Structure formats: C-alpha cells, structure tokens
C-alpha cells in the first residue's frame, strides 16, 4: 500500500470542540507521527500541527473529519515522499 507524508494544520476557534477533536485524532493515531499545539491566548484560539504518514485517502478522511467539526478549520500539505507499507 502506498503511503504519503503530510502535515495537517488546524485552527480551533471553539474550545468546546477540543474534546471531539482529540477523539478524532485518537481514532487515527496509527498514522500520526507527531503533534504540536500552541494556545494563542490573546486571540482565544489554538493552533495545532499534525505530522502524518499513511495512505492518502486515510489522511484526507482525517482532515475532512477535523474540518467538519464546528469552529475548526484544517488544511493539508502533502510532501512528495511516497513509501510502501
């Protein structure tokens, strides 16, 4: 199976959604390489970056579920690094 390396950038504008976001990330834990979160208190938002390595359709599904959460936006940047599992 072909896998890709990507980064999903997330901005959380509604703190009530954080628990749901963490549940989605837990469901996709097998493709997550690492995660960095920065609370931007002056603006009342959280900025999160997720590094992933997995099938492109699974990465897209994860980003779609994240972006569908209320008060959350997500964008994905794919690398040209392709591997096989």
N, C-alpha and C. Protein backbone atom coordinates (compact mmCIF):
# COMPACT_ATOMS: atom_id res chain seq x y z
N UNK A 1 0.85 -1.17 0.00
CA UNK A 1 0.00 0.00 0.00
C UNK A 1 0.90 1.24 0.00
N UNK A 2 0.57 2.20 -0.85
CA UNK A 2 1.35 3.42 -0.97
C UNK A 2 0.96 4.41 0.12
N UNK A 3 1.96 5.00 0.77
CA UNK A 3 1.71 5.97 1.83
C UNK A 3 2.37 7.30 1.47
N UNK A 4 1.85 8.36 2.09
CA UNK A 4 2.38 9.72 1.88
C UNK A 4 2.69 10.33 3.24
N UNK A 5 3.59 11.29 3.23
CA UNK A 5 3.88 12.08 4.41
C UNK A 5 3.21 13.42 4.21
N UNK A 6 2.53 13.92 5.25
CA UNK A 6 1.80 15.18 5.14
C UNK A 6 1.77 15.87 6.48
N UNK A 7 1.37 17.14 6.44
CA UNK A 7 1.15 17.92 7.64
C UNK A 7 -0.25 18.49 7.57
N UNK A 8 -1.01 18.33 8.65
CA UNK A 8 -2.35 18.91 8.74
C UNK A 8 -2.27 20.07 9.72
N UNK A 9 -2.59 21.27 9.24
CA UNK A 9 -2.61 22.47 10.07
C UNK A 9 -4.05 22.72 10.51
N UNK A 10 -4.23 22.92 11.81
CA UNK A 10 -5.57 23.04 12.39
C UNK A 10 -5.66 24.32 13.21
N UNK A 11 -6.76 25.03 13.07
CA UNK A 11 -7.05 26.17 13.92
C UNK A 11 -8.38 25.90 14.60
N UNK A 12 -8.35 25.92 15.94
CA UNK A 12 -9.55 25.67 16.75
C UNK A 12 -10.01 27.00 17.33
N UNK A 13 -11.22 27.41 16.95
CA UNK A 13 -11.76 28.68 17.42
C UNK A 13 -12.79 28.50 18.53
N UNK A 14 -13.27 27.28 18.74
CA UNK A 14 -14.26 26.99 19.79
C UNK A 14 -13.71 25.92 20.71
N UNK A 15 -13.41 26.30 21.95
CA UNK A 15 -12.81 25.37 22.91
C UNK A 15 -13.69 24.17 23.22
N UNK A 16 -15.01 24.31 23.04
CA UNK A 16 -15.91 23.19 23.31
C UNK A 16 -15.65 22.02 22.36
N UNK A 17 -14.98 22.27 21.25
CA UNK A 17 -14.75 21.25 20.23
C UNK A 17 -13.48 20.44 20.48
N UNK A 18 -12.64 20.88 21.40
CA UNK A 18 -11.35 20.23 21.61
C UNK A 18 -11.49 18.75 21.97
N UNK A 19 -12.47 18.41 22.79
CA UNK A 19 -12.66 17.00 23.17
C UNK A 19 -13.00 16.14 21.95
N UNK A 20 -13.86 16.66 21.08
CA UNK A 20 -14.22 15.92 19.86
C UNK A 20 -13.01 15.79 18.94
N UNK A 21 -12.23 16.85 18.83
CA UNK A 21 -11.02 16.82 18.01
C UNK A 21 -10.06 15.76 18.53
N UNK A 22 -9.84 15.72 19.83
CA UNK A 22 -8.94 14.71 20.40
C UNK A 22 -9.44 13.30 20.14
N UNK A 23 -10.75 13.10 20.15
CA UNK A 23 -11.31 11.77 19.86
C UNK A 23 -11.02 11.37 18.41
N UNK A 24 -11.17 12.31 17.48
CA UNK A 24 -10.87 12.02 16.07
C UNK A 24 -9.39 11.68 15.91
N UNK A 25 -8.52 12.48 16.53
CA UNK A 25 -7.09 12.22 16.43
C UNK A 25 -6.73 10.86 17.03
N UNK A 26 -7.38 10.49 18.11
CA UNK A 26 -7.14 9.18 18.72
C UNK A 26 -7.50 8.05 17.76
N UNK A 27 -8.61 8.23 17.03
CA UNK A 27 -9.05 7.21 16.06
C UNK A 27 -8.03 7.00 14.95
N UNK A 28 -7.25 8.03 14.63
CA UNK A 28 -6.27 7.96 13.54
C UNK A 28 -4.83 7.90 14.08
N UNK A 29 -4.68 7.54 15.33
CA UNK A 29 -3.36 7.52 15.98
C UNK A 29 -2.32 6.68 15.26
N UNK A 30 -2.74 5.66 14.52
CA UNK A 30 -1.79 4.78 13.84
C UNK A 30 -1.04 5.47 12.71
N UNK A 31 -1.55 6.60 12.18
CA UNK A 31 -0.84 7.31 11.10
C UNK A 31 -0.20 8.61 11.58
N UNK A 32 -0.41 8.98 12.84
CA UNK A 32 0.14 10.23 13.36
C UNK A 32 1.58 10.02 13.81
N UNK A 33 2.48 10.84 13.25
CA UNK A 33 3.90 10.80 13.61
C UNK A 33 4.13 11.66 14.85
N UNK A 34 3.55 12.86 14.85
CA UNK A 34 3.74 13.78 15.96
C UNK A 34 2.73 14.90 15.90
N UNK A 35 2.65 15.64 17.02
CA UNK A 35 1.65 16.69 17.14
C UNK A 35 2.24 17.84 17.94
N UNK A 36 1.96 19.07 17.50
CA UNK A 36 2.38 20.25 18.24
C UNK A 36 1.19 21.18 18.37
N UNK A 37 0.89 21.60 19.58
CA UNK A 37 -0.23 22.51 19.80
C UNK A 37 0.24 23.77 20.49
N UNK A 38 -0.27 24.90 20.02
CA UNK A 38 0.09 26.19 20.60
C UNK A 38 -1.19 26.94 20.95
N UNK A 39 -1.42 27.20 22.24
CA UNK A 39 -2.57 28.05 22.58
C UNK A 39 -2.21 29.51 22.33
N UNK A 40 -3.04 30.20 21.57
CA UNK A 40 -2.82 31.62 21.29
C UNK A 40 -3.86 32.37 22.11
N UNK A 41 -3.51 32.60 23.36
CA UNK A 41 -4.46 33.14 24.34
C UNK A 41 -4.97 34.53 23.98
N UNK A 42 -4.13 35.37 23.39
CA UNK A 42 -4.57 36.73 23.04
C UNK A 42 -5.72 36.72 22.04
N UNK A 43 -5.77 35.71 21.21
CA UNK A 43 -6.84 35.60 20.20
C UNK A 43 -7.91 34.58 20.59
N UNK A 44 -7.66 33.82 21.65
CA UNK A 44 -8.63 32.83 22.09
C UNK A 44 -8.76 31.63 21.17
N UNK A 45 -7.65 31.27 20.50
CA UNK A 45 -7.67 30.12 19.58
C UNK A 45 -6.52 29.17 19.93
N UNK A 46 -6.57 28.00 19.33
CA UNK A 46 -5.48 27.03 19.44
C UNK A 46 -5.00 26.70 18.03
N UNK A 47 -3.69 26.62 17.87
CA UNK A 47 -3.08 26.29 16.58
C UNK A 47 -2.38 24.95 16.76
N UNK A 48 -2.74 23.98 15.92
CA UNK A 48 -2.22 22.62 16.05
C UNK A 48 -1.65 22.17 14.71
N UNK A 49 -0.52 21.50 14.77
CA UNK A 49 0.10 20.93 13.58
C UNK A 49 0.27 19.43 13.82
N UNK A 50 -0.22 18.63 12.87
CA UNK A 50 -0.15 17.16 12.97
C UNK A 50 0.67 16.63 11.80
N UNK A 51 1.75 15.91 12.09
CA UNK A 51 2.53 15.24 11.05
C UNK A 51 2.01 13.81 10.92
N UNK A 52 1.72 13.39 9.68
CA UNK A 52 1.15 12.07 9.45
C UNK A 52 1.89 11.32 8.34
N UNK A 53 1.79 10.01 8.38
CA UNK A 53 2.35 9.14 7.33
C UNK A 53 1.36 7.99 7.16
N UNK A 54 0.66 8.00 6.02
CA UNK A 54 -0.34 6.97 5.78
C UNK A 54 -0.88 7.05 4.37
N UNK A 55 -1.84 6.20 4.04
CA UNK A 55 -2.46 6.25 2.72
C UNK A 55 -3.14 7.61 2.51
N UNK A 56 -3.04 8.12 1.30
CA UNK A 56 -3.58 9.45 1.02
C UNK A 56 -5.07 9.54 1.32
N UNK A 57 -5.83 8.49 1.04
CA UNK A 57 -7.27 8.55 1.32
C UNK A 57 -7.56 8.59 2.82
N UNK A 58 -6.70 7.96 3.62
CA UNK A 58 -6.88 7.98 5.07
C UNK A 58 -6.52 9.36 5.64
N UNK A 59 -5.47 9.98 5.10
CA UNK A 59 -5.10 11.33 5.51
C UNK A 59 -6.22 12.31 5.15
N UNK A 60 -6.76 12.16 3.94
CA UNK A 60 -7.86 13.04 3.51
C UNK A 60 -9.10 12.85 4.38
N UNK A 61 -9.38 11.60 4.77
CA UNK A 61 -10.53 11.34 5.64
C UNK A 61 -10.34 11.99 6.99
N UNK A 62 -9.13 11.90 7.54
CA UNK A 62 -8.83 12.54 8.82
C UNK A 62 -9.01 14.05 8.72
N UNK A 63 -8.43 14.66 7.70
CA UNK A 63 -8.56 16.11 7.53
C UNK A 63 -10.02 16.52 7.33
N UNK A 64 -10.78 15.72 6.61
CA UNK A 64 -12.19 16.01 6.40
C UNK A 64 -12.99 15.96 7.69
N UNK A 65 -12.72 14.95 8.52
CA UNK A 65 -13.43 14.84 9.80
C UNK A 65 -13.06 16.00 10.73
N UNK A 66 -11.80 16.40 10.70
CA UNK A 66 -11.37 17.53 11.52
C UNK A 66 -12.05 18.81 11.05
N UNK A 67 -12.03 19.04 9.74
CA UNK A 67 -12.62 20.26 9.18
C UNK A 67 -14.12 20.34 9.35
N UNK A 68 -14.78 19.20 9.55
CA UNK A 68 -16.24 19.18 9.73
C UNK A 68 -16.66 19.54 11.15
N UNK A 69 -15.70 19.57 12.07
CA UNK A 69 -16.03 19.93 13.45
C UNK A 69 -16.37 21.42 13.53
N UNK A 70 -17.35 21.78 14.36
CA UNK A 70 -17.72 23.19 14.47
C UNK A 70 -16.60 24.04 15.07
N UNK A 71 -16.31 25.16 14.44
CA UNK A 71 -15.29 26.07 14.93
C UNK A 71 -13.87 25.62 14.66
N UNK A 72 -13.70 24.67 13.74
CA UNK A 72 -12.37 24.14 13.42
C UNK A 72 -12.14 24.24 11.92
N UNK A 73 -10.94 24.68 11.54
CA UNK A 73 -10.57 24.65 10.13
C UNK A 73 -9.26 23.87 10.00
N UNK A 74 -9.10 23.18 8.87
CA UNK A 74 -7.92 22.34 8.65
C UNK A 74 -7.50 22.41 7.19
N UNK A 75 -6.19 22.43 6.98
CA UNK A 75 -5.60 22.38 5.65
C UNK A 75 -4.48 21.35 5.68
N UNK A 76 -4.30 20.65 4.56
CA UNK A 76 -3.29 19.60 4.47
C UNK A 76 -2.27 19.94 3.40
N UNK A 77 -1.00 19.74 3.75
CA UNK A 77 0.09 19.89 2.78
C UNK A 77 0.78 18.54 2.66
N UNK A 78 0.83 18.01 1.43
CA UNK A 78 1.44 16.71 1.17
C UNK A 78 2.87 16.90 0.67
N UNK A 79 3.76 16.02 1.14
CA UNK A 79 5.12 16.01 0.61
C UNK A 79 5.15 15.13 -0.64
N UNK A 80 6.26 15.15 -1.33
CA UNK A 80 6.45 14.27 -2.48
C UNK A 80 7.03 12.93 -2.07
N UNK A 81 7.23 12.73 -0.77
CA UNK A 81 7.78 11.48 -0.26
C UNK A 81 6.68 10.43 -0.26
N UNK A 82 6.92 9.37 -1.03
CA UNK A 82 5.96 8.26 -1.14
C UNK A 82 6.65 6.99 -0.71
N UNK A 83 5.97 6.19 0.08
CA UNK A 83 6.53 4.92 0.54
C UNK A 83 5.54 3.80 0.35
N UNK A 84 5.95 2.62 0.66
CA UNK A 84 5.07 1.45 0.58
C UNK A 84 5.09 0.71 1.89
N UNK A 85 3.92 0.27 2.30
CA UNK A 85 3.80 -0.50 3.55
C UNK A 85 3.44 -1.92 3.22
